[in-house]
């Protein structure tokens, strides 16, 4: 039996977000013009029903009322990618980590580049906070949603956003 895939689109301060669920569990959150965004035809038909809790938590996050998401996720990736995405979820709200720090935390100190690649393939941006990863020198490096969005998300979480 093939998985039941559905999607919806919501507004956010960072543009439209496409939410995708497989069998009722969130498996994708994609921004407009996001790098590595799957083809639209893979998102299934539009249906708002499986996304109530996701939408509620995202709205609370964007209102500054939620700092940690509590949602079941269905993350499709290699075991290494999933380990990186799990580590991303350990980065506290408003804080950042470097690729090297993530590599050390995973016990793979030479894997900074591979961690960067896995970070870039994160299928559930914002909720799995890949925007919280920065370069070794503190610079904002690649972000699938674009560096402007990354900067704005980090500023928002640090309470320094200018809207």
Protein backbone atom coordinates (compact mmCIF):
# COMPACT_ATOMS: atom_id res chain seq x y z
CA UNK A 1 0.00 0.00 0.00
CA UNK A 2 1.48 3.34 -1.01
CA UNK A 3 1.66 6.22 1.47
CA UNK A 4 -1.13 8.78 1.60
CA UNK A 5 0.47 12.19 0.86
CA UNK A 6 -1.32 15.51 1.42
CA UNK A 7 -0.24 19.14 1.56
CA UNK A 8 -1.40 22.60 2.49
CA UNK A 9 0.05 26.09 2.15
CA UNK A 10 0.09 28.65 4.95
CA UNK A 11 1.28 32.24 5.22
CA UNK A 12 4.18 33.15 7.49
CA UNK A 13 6.33 36.23 8.10
CA UNK A 14 8.88 34.52 5.81
CA UNK A 15 6.54 33.88 2.92
CA UNK A 16 4.30 30.98 2.01
CA UNK A 17 5.14 27.64 3.62
CA UNK A 18 4.11 24.37 2.01
CA UNK A 19 3.45 21.66 4.59
CA UNK A 20 3.49 18.03 3.44
CA UNK A 21 2.27 15.00 5.40
CA UNK A 22 2.63 11.30 4.73
CA UNK A 23 -0.10 9.23 6.34
CA UNK A 24 -0.99 12.23 8.54
CA UNK A 25 2.56 12.88 9.83
CA UNK A 26 4.54 15.96 8.82
CA UNK A 27 7.35 15.05 6.41
CA UNK A 28 8.01 18.39 4.70
CA UNK A 29 8.01 22.12 5.31
CA UNK A 30 9.20 24.05 2.29
CA UNK A 31 9.63 27.74 1.60
CA UNK A 32 9.02 29.43 -1.72
CA UNK A 33 12.10 29.14 -3.96
CA UNK A 34 13.77 26.76 -1.51
CA UNK A 35 16.79 24.84 -2.71
CA UNK A 36 16.15 21.06 -2.75
CA UNK A 37 12.38 21.64 -2.78
CA UNK A 38 10.71 18.54 -4.22
CA UNK A 39 8.50 18.81 -7.28
CA UNK A 40 4.96 20.04 -6.52
CA UNK A 41 3.42 16.85 -7.92
CA UNK A 42 5.02 14.86 -5.08
CA UNK A 43 3.03 16.82 -2.45
CA UNK A 44 -0.26 15.00 -3.03
CA UNK A 45 -3.59 16.75 -3.11
CA UNK A 46 -4.31 19.81 -1.04
CA UNK A 47 -6.01 19.04 2.26
CA UNK A 48 -5.81 21.18 5.42
CA UNK A 49 -7.06 18.48 7.82
CA UNK A 50 -3.83 16.70 8.80
CA UNK A 51 -2.08 19.96 9.69
CA UNK A 52 -4.02 21.44 12.63
CA UNK A 53 -1.35 20.96 15.31
CA UNK A 54 1.45 21.92 12.92
CA UNK A 55 -0.28 25.16 11.93
CA UNK A 56 -1.10 25.98 15.57
CA UNK A 57 2.52 25.47 16.67
CA UNK A 58 3.95 27.41 13.72
CA UNK A 59 1.63 30.35 14.46
CA UNK A 60 2.66 30.27 18.13
CA UNK A 61 6.33 30.16 17.08
CA UNK A 62 5.94 33.13 14.73
CA UNK A 63 4.14 35.04 17.51
CA UNK A 64 7.13 34.43 19.80
CA UNK A 65 5.04 32.23 22.12
CA UNK A 66 6.67 28.86 21.30
CA UNK A 67 10.36 28.02 21.36
CA UNK A 68 10.27 24.22 21.05
CA UNK A 69 8.10 22.24 18.66
CA UNK A 70 6.40 19.08 19.87
CA UNK A 71 5.23 17.34 16.72
CA UNK A 72 5.64 13.85 15.31
CA UNK A 73 7.84 13.96 12.21
CA UNK A 74 8.42 11.51 9.38
CA UNK A 75 11.90 12.45 8.15
CA UNK A 76 12.97 10.67 4.97
CA UNK A 77 16.73 10.47 4.62
CA UNK A 78 19.76 8.32 5.14
CA UNK A 79 20.65 7.23 8.68
CA UNK A 80 23.43 9.85 8.69
CA UNK A 81 21.08 12.63 7.54
CA UNK A 82 18.52 11.67 10.18
CA UNK A 83 21.24 11.75 12.87
CA UNK A 84 22.19 15.28 11.76
CA UNK A 85 18.55 16.39 11.76
CA UNK A 86 18.10 14.92 15.25
CA UNK A 87 21.14 16.89 16.40
CA UNK A 88 19.70 20.09 14.89
CA UNK A 89 16.66 19.68 17.13
CA UNK A 90 18.99 19.86 20.16
CA UNK A 91 20.11 23.42 19.34
CA UNK A 92 18.23 25.71 21.74
CA UNK A 93 15.98 28.49 20.46
CA UNK A 94 17.95 31.69 19.88
CA UNK A 95 21.31 29.91 19.82
CA UNK A 96 23.57 28.74 17.00
CA UNK A 97 26.08 25.97 16.46
CA UNK A 98 28.81 25.62 13.89
CA UNK A 99 29.10 22.70 11.50
CA UNK A 100 32.20 21.65 13.44
CA UNK A 101 30.33 21.68 16.75
CA UNK A 102 27.64 19.46 15.22
CA UNK A 103 30.34 17.12 13.87
CA UNK A 104 31.90 16.87 17.33
CA UNK A 105 28.49 16.26 18.95
CA UNK A 106 27.91 13.39 16.52
CA UNK A 107 31.36 11.93 17.26
CA UNK A 108 32.47 12.59 13.68
CA UNK A 109 34.89 15.53 13.98
CA UNK A 110 36.01 15.31 10.34
CA UNK A 111 32.44 15.35 8.97
CA UNK A 112 31.72 19.11 8.90
CA UNK A 113 31.24 19.14 5.12
CA UNK A 114 28.95 16.08 5.18
CA UNK A 115 26.97 17.68 7.99
CA UNK A 116 26.57 20.79 5.86
CA UNK A 117 25.21 18.70 3.00
CA UNK A 118 22.79 16.86 5.30
CA UNK A 119 21.74 20.16 6.84
CA UNK A 120 20.94 21.50 3.38
CA UNK A 121 18.67 18.51 2.67
CA UNK A 122 16.60 19.00 5.84
CA UNK A 123 13.00 18.39 4.70
CA UNK A 124 11.33 20.19 7.61
CA UNK A 125 12.89 23.64 7.89
CA UNK A 126 12.06 25.92 10.83
CA UNK A 127 10.73 22.99 12.93
CA UNK A 128 14.04 21.14 12.48
CA UNK A 129 16.07 24.34 12.91
CA UNK A 130 18.76 24.12 10.26
CA UNK A 131 18.81 27.95 10.24
CA UNK A 132 20.66 27.78 13.58
CA UNK A 133 23.85 26.41 11.97
CA UNK A 134 26.58 28.88 11.06
CA UNK A 135 30.11 28.84 9.71
CA UNK A 136 33.17 28.33 11.93
CA UNK A 137 33.92 32.06 11.82
CA UNK A 138 30.35 32.99 12.80
CA UNK A 139 29.30 33.81 9.25
CA UNK A 140 25.90 32.95 7.86
CA UNK A 141 26.52 30.18 5.38
CA UNK A 142 24.19 28.37 3.00
CA UNK A 143 20.52 28.05 3.79
CA UNK A 144 17.98 26.37 1.54
CA UNK A 145 15.49 29.17 2.16
CA UNK A 146 18.07 31.86 1.33
CA UNK A 147 20.49 33.79 3.53
CA UNK A 148 18.06 36.69 3.99
CA UNK A 149 15.47 34.34 5.54
CA UNK A 150 18.16 32.70 7.68
CA UNK A 151 19.27 36.10 8.99
CA UNK A 152 15.67 37.11 9.68
CA UNK A 153 14.89 33.85 11.50
CA UNK A 154 18.00 34.16 13.68
CA UNK A 155 17.26 37.83 14.42
CA UNK A 156 13.67 36.91 15.29
CA UNK A 157 14.78 34.19 17.72
CA UNK A 158 17.35 36.49 19.32
CA UNK A 159 14.74 39.22 19.74
CA UNK A 160 16.58 41.60 17.41
CA UNK A 161 14.24 41.38 14.40
CA UNK A 162 13.36 44.56 12.59
CA UNK A 163 10.03 44.16 10.80
